[in-house]
Amino acid sequence: ILSECEGKREANKAVFIGIFSSLFFLLLSQSWL
């Protein structure tokens, strides 16, 4: 959707947001243990 409507740069931004979110969750969830 972002590629089609907003451009390649915005689509890649969504990918990087997903990577950051996964890293954040990985570190935080392991700290719970």
Full PDB file with SEQRES, HELIX, SHEET, SSBOND, CRYST1, ORIGX, SCALE, CONECT and MASTER records, all heavy atoms in Angstrom:
SEQRES   1 A   33  ILE LEU SER GLU CYS GLU GLY LYS ARG GLU ALA ASN LYS          
SEQRES   2 A   33  ALA VAL PHE ILE GLY ILE PHE SER SER LEU PHE PHE LEU          
SEQRES   3 A   33  LEU LEU SER GLN SER TRP LEU                                  
HELIX    1 AA1 LEU A    2  CYS A    5  1                                   4    
HELIX    2 AA2 LYS A    8  TRP A   32  1                                  25    
CRYST1    1.000    1.000    1.000  90.00  90.00  90.00 P 1           1          
ORIGX1      1.000000  0.000000  0.000000        0.00000                         
ORIGX2      0.000000  1.000000  0.000000        0.00000                         
ORIGX3      0.000000  0.000000  1.000000        0.00000                         
SCALE1      1.000000  0.000000  0.000000        0.00000                         
SCALE2      0.000000  1.000000  0.000000        0.00000                         
SCALE3      0.000000  0.000000  1.000000        0.00000                         
ATOM      1  N   ILE A   1       0.838  -1.204   0.000  1.00  0.00           N  
ATOM      2  CA  ILE A   1       0.000   0.000   0.000  1.00  0.00           C  
ATOM      3  C   ILE A   1       0.876   1.259   0.000  1.00  0.00           C  
ATOM      4  O   ILE A   1       0.646   2.193  -0.770  1.00  0.00           O  
ATOM      5  CB  ILE A   1      -0.956   0.015   1.215  1.00  0.00           C  
ATOM      6  CG1 ILE A   1      -2.025  -1.073   1.063  1.00  0.00           C  
ATOM      7  CG2 ILE A   1      -1.618   1.389   1.367  1.00  0.00           C  
ATOM      8  CD1 ILE A   1      -2.924  -1.208   2.286  1.00  0.00           C  
ATOM      9  N   LEU A   2       1.878   1.244   0.852  1.00  0.00           N  
ATOM     10  CA  LEU A   2       2.765   2.407   0.930  1.00  0.00           C  
ATOM     11  C   LEU A   2       3.557   2.587  -0.355  1.00  0.00           C  
ATOM     12  O   LEU A   2       3.760   3.723  -0.822  1.00  0.00           O  
ATOM     13  CB  LEU A   2       3.711   2.265   2.129  1.00  0.00           C  
ATOM     14  CG  LEU A   2       3.040   2.402   3.497  1.00  0.00           C  
ATOM     15  CD1 LEU A   2       4.003   2.010   4.616  1.00  0.00           C  
ATOM     16  CD2 LEU A   2       2.563   3.842   3.717  1.00  0.00           C  
ATOM     17  N   SER A   3       4.013   1.492  -0.962  1.00  0.00           N  
ATOM     18  CA  SER A   3       4.721   1.581  -2.239  1.00  0.00           C  
ATOM     19  C   SER A   3       3.827   2.192  -3.305  1.00  0.00           C  
ATOM     20  O   SER A   3       4.243   3.077  -4.051  1.00  0.00           O  
ATOM     21  CB  SER A   3       5.190   0.189  -2.694  1.00  0.00           C  
ATOM     22  OG  SER A   3       6.283  -0.259  -1.926  1.00  0.00           O  
ATOM     23  N   GLU A   4       2.594   1.709  -3.364  1.00  0.00           N  
ATOM     24  CA  GLU A   4       1.664   2.162  -4.406  1.00  0.00           C  
ATOM     25  C   GLU A   4       1.216   3.596  -4.203  1.00  0.00           C  
ATOM     26  O   GLU A   4       1.106   4.364  -5.164  1.00  0.00           O  
ATOM     27  CB  GLU A   4       0.440   1.237  -4.423  1.00  0.00           C  
ATOM     28  CG  GLU A   4      -0.582   1.547  -5.511  1.00  0.00           C  
ATOM     29  CD  GLU A   4      -0.067   1.220  -6.902  1.00  0.00           C  
ATOM     30  OE1 GLU A   4       0.804   0.329  -7.039  1.00  0.00           O  
ATOM     31  OE2 GLU A   4      -0.552   1.859  -7.862  1.00  0.00           O  
ATOM     32  N   CYS A   5       0.952   3.961  -2.955  1.00  0.00           N  
ATOM     33  CA  CYS A   5       0.301   5.252  -2.685  1.00  0.00           C  
ATOM     34  C   CYS A   5       1.242   6.335  -2.165  1.00  0.00           C  
ATOM     35  O   CYS A   5       0.998   7.531  -2.387  1.00  0.00           O  
ATOM     36  CB  CYS A   5      -0.828   5.059  -1.675  1.00  0.00           C  
ATOM     37  SG  CYS A   5      -2.100   3.888  -2.196  1.00  0.00           S  
ATOM     38  N   GLU A   6       2.301   5.942  -1.473  1.00  0.00           N  
ATOM     39  CA  GLU A   6       3.144   6.929  -0.810  1.00  0.00           C  
ATOM     40  C   GLU A   6       4.597   6.933  -1.305  1.00  0.00           C  
ATOM     41  O   GLU A   6       5.335   7.870  -1.019  1.00  0.00           O  
ATOM     42  CB  GLU A   6       3.141   6.696   0.709  1.00  0.00           C  
ATOM     43  CG  GLU A   6       1.757   6.672   1.343  1.00  0.00           C  
ATOM     44  CD  GLU A   6       1.069   8.030   1.324  1.00  0.00           C  
ATOM     45  OE1 GLU A   6       1.778   9.044   1.152  1.00  0.00           O  
ATOM     46  OE2 GLU A   6      -0.169   8.074   1.489  1.00  0.00           O  
ATOM     47  N   GLY A   7       4.997   5.871  -1.995  1.00  0.00           N  
ATOM     48  CA  GLY A   7       6.348   5.833  -2.544  1.00  0.00           C  
ATOM     49  C   GLY A   7       7.271   4.847  -1.849  1.00  0.00           C  
ATOM     50  O   GLY A   7       6.996   4.361  -0.747  1.00  0.00           O  
ATOM     51  N   LYS A   8       8.362   4.557  -2.519  1.00  0.00           N  
ATOM     52  CA  LYS A   8       9.324   3.555  -2.046  1.00  0.00           C  
ATOM     53  C   LYS A   8       9.930   3.934  -0.699  1.00  0.00           C  
ATOM     54  O   LYS A   8      10.144   3.085   0.167  1.00  0.00           O  
ATOM     55  CB  LYS A   8      10.430   3.386  -3.091  1.00  0.00           C  
ATOM     56  CG  LYS A   8      11.429   2.292  -2.782  1.00  0.00           C  
ATOM     57  CD  LYS A   8      12.422   2.146  -3.929  1.00  0.00           C  
ATOM     58  CE  LYS A   8      13.413   1.023  -3.674  1.00  0.00           C  
ATOM     59  NZ  LYS A   8      14.381   0.887  -4.802  1.00  0.00           N  
ATOM     60  N   ARG A   9      10.239   5.210  -0.505  1.00  0.00           N  
ATOM     61  CA  ARG A   9      10.869   5.662   0.737  1.00  0.00           C  
ATOM     62  C   ARG A   9       9.977   5.377   1.941  1.00  0.00           C  
ATOM     63  O   ARG A   9      10.459   4.919   2.991  1.00  0.00           O  
ATOM     64  CB  ARG A   9      11.173   7.151   0.650  1.00  0.00           C  
ATOM     65  CG  ARG A   9      11.878   7.706   1.879  1.00  0.00           C  
ATOM     66  CD  ARG A   9      12.186   9.176   1.686  1.00  0.00           C  
ATOM     67  NE  ARG A   9      12.836   9.736   2.867  1.00  0.00           N  
ATOM     68  CZ  ARG A   9      13.202  11.017   2.972  1.00  0.00           C  
ATOM     69  NH1 ARG A   9      13.012  11.849   1.963  1.00  0.00           N  
ATOM     70  NH2 ARG A   9      13.775  11.448   4.079  1.00  0.00           N  
ATOM     71  N   GLU A  10       8.682   5.632   1.824  1.00  0.00           N  
ATOM     72  CA  GLU A  10       7.755   5.403   2.932  1.00  0.00           C  
ATOM     73  C   GLU A  10       7.562   3.910   3.186  1.00  0.00           C  
ATOM     74  O   GLU A  10       7.388   3.484   4.338  1.00  0.00           O  
ATOM     75  CB  GLU A  10       6.411   6.074   2.641  1.00  0.00           C  
ATOM     76  CG  GLU A  10       6.492   7.578   2.431  1.00  0.00           C  
ATOM     77  CD  GLU A  10       7.158   8.278   3.611  1.00  0.00           C  
ATOM     78  OE1 GLU A  10       6.712   8.079   4.747  1.00  0.00           O  
ATOM     79  OE2 GLU A  10       8.146   9.007   3.383  1.00  0.00           O  
ATOM     80  N   ALA A  11       7.586   3.105   2.127  1.00  0.00           N  
ATOM     81  CA  ALA A  11       7.469   1.660   2.305  1.00  0.00           C  
ATOM     82  C   ALA A  11       8.667   1.115   3.076  1.00  0.00           C  
ATOM     83  O   ALA A  11       8.517   0.289   3.982  1.00  0.00           O  
ATOM     84  CB  ALA A  11       7.364   0.978   0.935  1.00  0.00           C  
ATOM     85  N   ASN A  12       9.860   1.583   2.716  1.00  0.00           N  
ATOM     86  CA  ASN A  12      11.056   1.145   3.439  1.00  0.00           C  
ATOM     87  C   ASN A  12      11.044   1.638   4.889  1.00  0.00           C  
ATOM     88  O   ASN A  12      11.554   0.948   5.787  1.00  0.00           O  
ATOM     89  CB  ASN A  12      12.314   1.642   2.733  1.00  0.00           C  
ATOM     90  CG  ASN A  12      12.704   0.766   1.551  1.00  0.00           C  
ATOM     91  OD1 ASN A  12      12.569  -0.448   1.604  1.00  0.00           O  
ATOM     92  ND2 ASN A  12      13.171   1.371   0.479  1.00  0.00           N  
ATOM     93  N   LYS A  13      10.442   2.801   5.116  1.00  0.00           N  
ATOM     94  CA  LYS A  13      10.339   3.312   6.485  1.00  0.00           C  
ATOM     95  C   LYS A  13       9.502   2.368   7.341  1.00  0.00           C  
ATOM     96  O   LYS A  13       9.833   2.120   8.515  1.00  0.00           O  
ATOM     97  CB  LYS A  13       9.724   4.715   6.482  1.00  0.00           C  
ATOM     98  CG  LYS A  13       9.728   5.391   7.852  1.00  0.00           C  
ATOM     99  CD  LYS A  13       9.070   6.763   7.798  1.00  0.00           C  
ATOM    100  CE  LYS A  13       9.889   7.750   7.003  1.00  0.00           C  
ATOM    101  NZ  LYS A  13       9.300   9.116   7.053  1.00  0.00           N  
ATOM    102  N   ALA A  14       8.427   1.820   6.774  1.00  0.00           N  
ATOM    103  CA  ALA A  14       7.602   0.858   7.504  1.00  0.00           C  
ATOM    104  C   ALA A  14       8.402  -0.393   7.853  1.00  0.00           C  
ATOM    105  O   ALA A  14       8.239  -0.968   8.935  1.00  0.00           O  
ATOM    106  CB  ALA A  14       6.370   0.487   6.677  1.00  0.00           C  
ATOM    107  N   VAL A  15       9.275  -0.817   6.936  1.00  0.00           N  
ATOM    108  CA  VAL A  15      10.133  -1.977   7.203  1.00  0.00           C  
ATOM    109  C   VAL A  15      11.053  -1.690   8.385  1.00  0.00           C  
ATOM    110  O   VAL A  15      11.195  -2.520   9.298  1.00  0.00           O  
ATOM    111  CB  VAL A  15      10.966  -2.335   5.957  1.00  0.00           C  
ATOM    112  CG1 VAL A  15      11.950  -3.465   6.283  1.00  0.00           C  
ATOM    113  CG2 VAL A  15      10.059  -2.742   4.800  1.00  0.00           C  
ATOM    114  N   PHE A  16      11.667  -0.519   8.402  1.00  0.00           N  
ATOM    115  CA  PHE A  16      12.590  -0.175   9.481  1.00  0.00           C  
ATOM    116  C   PHE A  16      11.858  -0.013  10.818  1.00  0.00           C  
ATOM    117  O   PHE A  16      12.403  -0.333  11.875  1.00  0.00           O  
ATOM    118  CB  PHE A  16      13.361   1.099   9.132  1.00  0.00           C  
ATOM    119  CG  PHE A  16      14.238   0.940   7.916  1.00  0.00           C  
ATOM    120  CD1 PHE A  16      14.306   1.936   6.955  1.00  0.00           C  
ATOM    121  CD2 PHE A  16      14.984  -0.206   7.729  1.00  0.00           C  
ATOM    122  CE1 PHE A  16      15.104   1.790   5.832  1.00  0.00           C  
ATOM    123  CE2 PHE A  16      15.790  -0.367   6.617  1.00  0.00           C  
ATOM    124  CZ  PHE A  16      15.851   0.631   5.664  1.00  0.00           C  
ATOM    125  N   ILE A  17      10.619   0.469  10.763  1.00  0.00           N  
ATOM    126  CA  ILE A  17       9.801   0.548  11.981  1.00  0.00           C  
ATOM    127  C   ILE A  17       9.535  -0.855  12.522  1.00  0.00           C  
ATOM    128  O   ILE A  17       9.598  -1.097  13.731  1.00  0.00           O  
ATOM    129  CB  ILE A  17       8.473   1.280  11.702  1.00  0.00           C  
ATOM    130  CG1 ILE A  17       8.730   2.779  11.498  1.00  0.00           C  
ATOM    131  CG2 ILE A  17       7.472   1.064  12.847  1.00  0.00           C  
ATOM    132  CD1 ILE A  17       7.522   3.552  11.025  1.00  0.00           C  
ATOM    133  N   GLY A  18       9.254  -1.807  11.630  1.00  0.00           N  
ATOM    134  CA  GLY A  18       9.040  -3.179  12.046  1.00  0.00           C  
ATOM    135  C   GLY A  18      10.283  -3.795  12.672  1.00  0.00           C  
ATOM    136  O   GLY A  18      10.208  -4.506  13.678  1.00  0.00           O  
ATOM    137  N   ILE A  19      11.449  -3.501  12.102  1.00  0.00           N  
ATOM    138  CA  ILE A  19      12.713  -4.000  12.649  1.00  0.00           C  
ATOM    139  C   ILE A  19      12.960  -3.404  14.033  1.00  0.00           C  
ATOM    140  O   ILE A  19      13.319  -4.115  14.980  1.00  0.00           O  
ATOM    141  CB  ILE A  19      13.884  -3.657  11.698  1.00  0.00           C  
ATOM    142  CG1 ILE A  19      13.734  -4.437  10.383  1.00  0.00           C  
ATOM    143  CG2 ILE A  19      15.225  -3.983  12.358  1.00  0.00           C  
ATOM    144  CD1 ILE A  19      14.717  -4.007   9.310  1.00  0.00           C  
ATOM    145  N   PHE A  20      12.764  -2.097  14.164  1.00  0.00           N  
ATOM    146  CA  PHE A  20      12.951  -1.443  15.465  1.00  0.00           C  
ATOM    147  C   PHE A  20      11.998  -2.006  16.504  1.00  0.00           C  
ATOM    148  O   PHE A  20      12.391  -2.265  17.655  1.00  0.00           O  
ATOM    149  CB  PHE A  20      12.738   0.067  15.324  1.00  0.00           C  
ATOM    150  CG  PHE A  20      12.839   0.811  16.626  1.00  0.00           C  
ATOM    151  CD1 PHE A  20      14.072   1.189  17.136  1.00  0.00           C  
ATOM    152  CD2 PHE A  20      11.694   1.123  17.360  1.00  0.00           C  
ATOM    153  CE1 PHE A  20      14.174   1.856  18.344  1.00  0.00           C  
ATOM    154  CE2 PHE A  20      11.781   1.790  18.558  1.00  0.00           C  
ATOM    155  CZ  PHE A  20      13.028   2.161  19.062  1.00  0.00           C  
ATOM    156  N   SER A  21      10.733  -2.212  16.110  1.00  0.00           N  
ATOM    157  CA  SER A  21       9.734  -2.750  17.037  1.00  0.00           C  
ATOM    158  C   SER A  21      10.128  -4.139  17.522  1.00  0.00           C  
ATOM    159  O   SER A  21       9.982  -4.465  18.711  1.00  0.00           O  
ATOM    160  CB  SER A  21       8.362  -2.813  16.355  1.00  0.00           C  
ATOM    161  OG  SER A  21       7.934  -1.532  15.954  1.00  0.00           O  
ATOM    162  N   SER A  22      10.631  -4.967  16.619  1.00  0.00           N  
ATOM    163  CA  SER A  22      11.046  -6.316  16.996  1.00  0.00           C  
ATOM    164  C   SER A  22      12.226  -6.281  17.959  1.00  0.00           C  
ATOM    165  O   SER A  22      12.270  -7.046  18.934  1.00  0.00           O  
ATOM    166  CB  SER A  22      11.413  -7.127  15.745  1.00  0.00           C  
ATOM    167  OG  SER A  22      10.281  -7.374  14.953  1.00  0.00           O  
ATOM    168  N   LEU A  23      13.192  -5.420  17.682  1.00  0.00           N  
ATOM    169  CA  LEU A  23      14.350  -5.285  18.573  1.00  0.00           C  
ATOM    170  C   LEU A  23      13.928  -4.807  19.957  1.00  0.00           C  
ATOM    171  O   LEU A  23      14.385  -5.333  20.980  1.00  0.00           O  
ATOM    172  CB  LEU A  23      15.366  -4.309  17.971  1.00  0.00           C  
ATOM    173  CG  LEU A  23      16.362  -4.872  16.968  1.00  0.00           C  
ATOM    174  CD1 LEU A  23      17.177  -3.740  16.343  1.00  0.00           C  
ATOM    175  CD2 LEU A  23      17.280  -5.900  17.617  1.00  0.00           C  
ATOM    176  N   PHE A  24      13.059  -3.814  19.993  1.00  0.00           N  
ATOM    177  CA  PHE A  24      12.561  -3.273  21.251  1.00  0.00           C  
ATOM    178  C   PHE A  24      11.861  -4.368  22.061  1.00  0.00           C  
ATOM    179  O   PHE A  24      12.107  -4.545  23.259  1.00  0.00           O  
ATOM    180  CB  PHE A  24      11.601  -2.118  20.972  1.00  0.00           C  
ATOM    181  CG  PHE A  24      10.941  -1.555  22.196  1.00  0.00           C  
ATOM    182  CD1 PHE A  24      11.593  -0.619  22.990  1.00  0.00           C  
ATOM    183  CD2 PHE A  24       9.655  -1.951  22.557  1.00  0.00           C  
ATOM    184  CE1 PHE A  24      10.981  -0.105  24.129  1.00  0.00           C  
ATOM    185  CE2 PHE A  24       9.038  -1.441  23.686  1.00  0.00           C  
ATOM    186  CZ  PHE A  24       9.700  -0.514  24.476  1.00  0.00           C  
ATOM    187  N   PHE A  25      10.988  -5.113  21.388  1.00  0.00           N  
ATOM    188  CA  PHE A  25      10.240  -6.168  22.065  1.00  0.00           C  
ATOM    189  C   PHE A  25      11.160  -7.285  22.535  1.00  0.00           C  
ATOM    190  O   PHE A  25      10.977  -7.836  23.638  1.00  0.00           O  
ATOM    191  CB  PHE A  25       9.162  -6.723  21.131  1.00  0.00           C  
ATOM    192  CG  PHE A  25       8.404  -7.869  21.722  1.00  0.00           C  
ATOM    193  CD1 PHE A  25       7.551  -7.687  22.800  1.00  0.00           C  
ATOM    194  CD2 PHE A  25       8.545  -9.146  21.207  1.00  0.00           C  
ATOM    195  CE1 PHE A  25       6.853  -8.734  23.354  1.00  0.00           C  
ATOM    196  CE2 PHE A  25       7.849 -10.213  21.753  1.00  0.00           C  
ATOM    197  CZ  PHE A  25       7.000 -10.011  22.827  1.00  0.00           C  
ATOM    198  N   LEU A  26      12.150  -7.647  21.720  1.00  0.00           N  
ATOM    199  CA  LEU A  26      13.084  -8.704  22.100  1.00  0.00           C  
ATOM    200  C   LEU A  26      13.814  -8.359  23.384  1.00  0.00           C  
ATOM    201  O   LEU A  26      13.858  -9.156  24.326  1.00  0.00           O  
ATOM    202  CB  LEU A  26      14.093  -8.933  20.970  1.00  0.00           C  
ATOM    203  CG  LEU A  26      15.271  -9.864  21.281  1.00  0.00           C  
ATOM    204  CD1 LEU A  26      14.774 -11.263  21.593  1.00  0.00           C  
ATOM    205  CD2 LEU A  26      16.260  -9.879  20.128  1.00  0.00           C  
ATOM    206  N   LEU A  27      14.367  -7.149  23.453  1.00  0.00           N  
ATOM    207  CA  LEU A  27      15.132  -6.741  24.629  1.00  0.00           C  
ATOM    208  C   LEU A  27      14.238  -6.597  25.858  1.00  0.00           C  
ATOM    209  O   LEU A  27      14.598  -7.025  26.957  1.00  0.00           O  
ATOM    210  CB  LEU A  27      15.862  -5.432  24.341  1.00  0.00           C  
ATOM    211  CG  LEU A  27      16.932  -5.508  23.250  1.00  0.00           C  
ATOM    212  CD1 LEU A  27      17.490  -4.112  22.952  1.00  0.00           C  
ATOM    213  CD2 LEU A  27      18.058  -6.444  23.653  1.00  0.00           C  
ATOM    214  N   LEU A  28      13.054  -5.997  25.666  1.00  0.00           N  
ATOM    215  CA  LEU A  28      12.162  -5.775  26.796  1.00  0.00           C  
ATOM    216  C   LEU A  28      11.610  -7.092  27.338  1.00  0.00           C  
ATOM    217  O   LEU A  28      11.609  -7.318  28.559  1.00  0.00           O  
ATOM    218  CB  LEU A  28      11.005  -4.862  26.389  1.00  0.00           C  
ATOM    219  CG  LEU A  28      10.040  -4.472  27.518  1.00  0.00           C  
ATOM    220  CD1 LEU A  28      10.772  -3.657  28.587  1.00  0.00           C  
ATOM    221  CD2 LEU A  28       8.853  -3.687  26.974  1.00  0.00           C  
ATOM    222  N   SER A  29      11.165  -7.982  26.459  1.00  0.00           N  
ATOM    223  CA  SER A  29      10.564  -9.239  26.913  1.00  0.00           C  
ATOM    224  C   SER A  29      11.588 -10.119  27.621  1.00  0.00           C  
ATOM    225  O   SER A  29      11.241 -10.828  28.574  1.00  0.00           O  
ATOM    226  CB  SER A  29       9.944  -9.998  25.737  1.00  0.00           C  
ATOM    227  OG  SER A  29      10.935 -10.363  24.792  1.00  0.00           O  
ATOM    228  N   GLN A  30      12.841 -10.062  27.193  1.00  0.00           N  
ATOM    229  CA  GLN A  30      13.860 -10.870  27.863  1.00  0.00           C  
ATOM    230  C   GLN A  30      14.214 -10.299  29.239  1.00  0.00           C  
ATOM    231  O   GLN A  30      14.625 -11.038  30.140  1.00  0.00           O  
ATOM    232  CB  GLN A  30      15.106 -10.968  26.982  1.00  0.00           C  
ATOM    233  CG  GLN A  30      14.885 -11.777  25.718  1.00  0.00           C  
ATOM    234  CD  GLN A  30      14.216 -13.114  25.989  1.00  0.00           C  
ATOM    235  OE1 GLN A  30      14.798 -13.995  26.631  1.00  0.00           O  
ATOM    236  NE2 GLN A  30      12.985 -13.282  25.512  1.00  0.00           N  
ATOM    237  N   SER A  31      14.041  -8.972  29.384  1.00  0.00           N  
ATOM    238  CA  SER A  31      14.312  -8.376  30.699  1.00  0.00           C  
ATOM    239  C   SER A  31      13.289  -8.829  31.731  1.00  0.00           C  
ATOM    240  O   SER A  31      13.581  -8.879  32.929  1.00  0.00           O  
ATOM    241  CB  SER A  31      14.307  -6.841  30.601  1.00  0.00           C  
ATOM    242  OG  SER A  31      12.995  -6.326  30.471  1.00  0.00           O  
ATOM    243  N   TRP A  32      12.075  -9.184  31.293  1.00  0.00           N  
ATOM    244  CA  TRP A  32      11.048  -9.650  32.219  1.00  0.00           C  
ATOM    245  C   TRP A  32      11.487 -10.938  32.922  1.00  0.00           C  
ATOM    246  O   TRP A  32      11.100 -11.183  34.070  1.00  0.00           O  
ATOM    247  CB  TRP A  32       9.733  -9.934  31.471  1.00  0.00           C  
ATOM    248  CG  TRP A  32       9.153  -8.742  30.773  1.00  0.00           C  
ATOM    249  CD1 TRP A  32       9.405  -7.431  31.033  1.00  0.00           C  
ATOM    250  CD2 TRP A  32       8.212  -8.764  29.698  1.00  0.00           C  
ATOM    251  NE1 TRP A  32       8.695  -6.623  30.178  1.00  0.00           N  
ATOM    252  CE2 TRP A  32       7.949  -7.415  29.344  1.00  0.00           C  
ATOM    253  CE3 TRP A  32       7.570  -9.771  28.985  1.00  0.00           C  
ATOM    254  CZ2 TRP A  32       7.076  -7.064  28.318  1.00  0.00           C  
ATOM    255  CZ3 TRP A  32       6.695  -9.427  27.963  1.00  0.00           C  
ATOM    256  CH2 TRP A  32       6.459  -8.089  27.646  1.00  0.00           C  
ATOM    257  N   LEU A  33      12.288 -11.735  32.242  1.00  0.00           N  
ATOM    258  CA  LEU A  33      12.705 -13.022  32.791  1.00  0.00           C  
ATOM    259  C   LEU A  33      13.779 -12.882  33.862  1.00  0.00           C  
ATOM    260  O   LEU A  33      14.057 -13.837  34.592  1.00  0.00           O  
ATOM    261  CB  LEU A  33      13.217 -13.932  31.666  1.00  0.00           C  
ATOM    262  CG  LEU A  33      12.282 -14.126  30.470  1.00  0.00           C  
ATOM    263  CD1 LEU A  33      12.915 -15.062  29.454  1.00  0.00           C  
ATOM    264  CD2 LEU A  33      10.921 -14.641  30.906  1.00  0.00           C  
TER     265      LEU A  33                                                      
MASTER        0    0    0    2    0    0    0    6  264    1    0    3          
END                                                                             
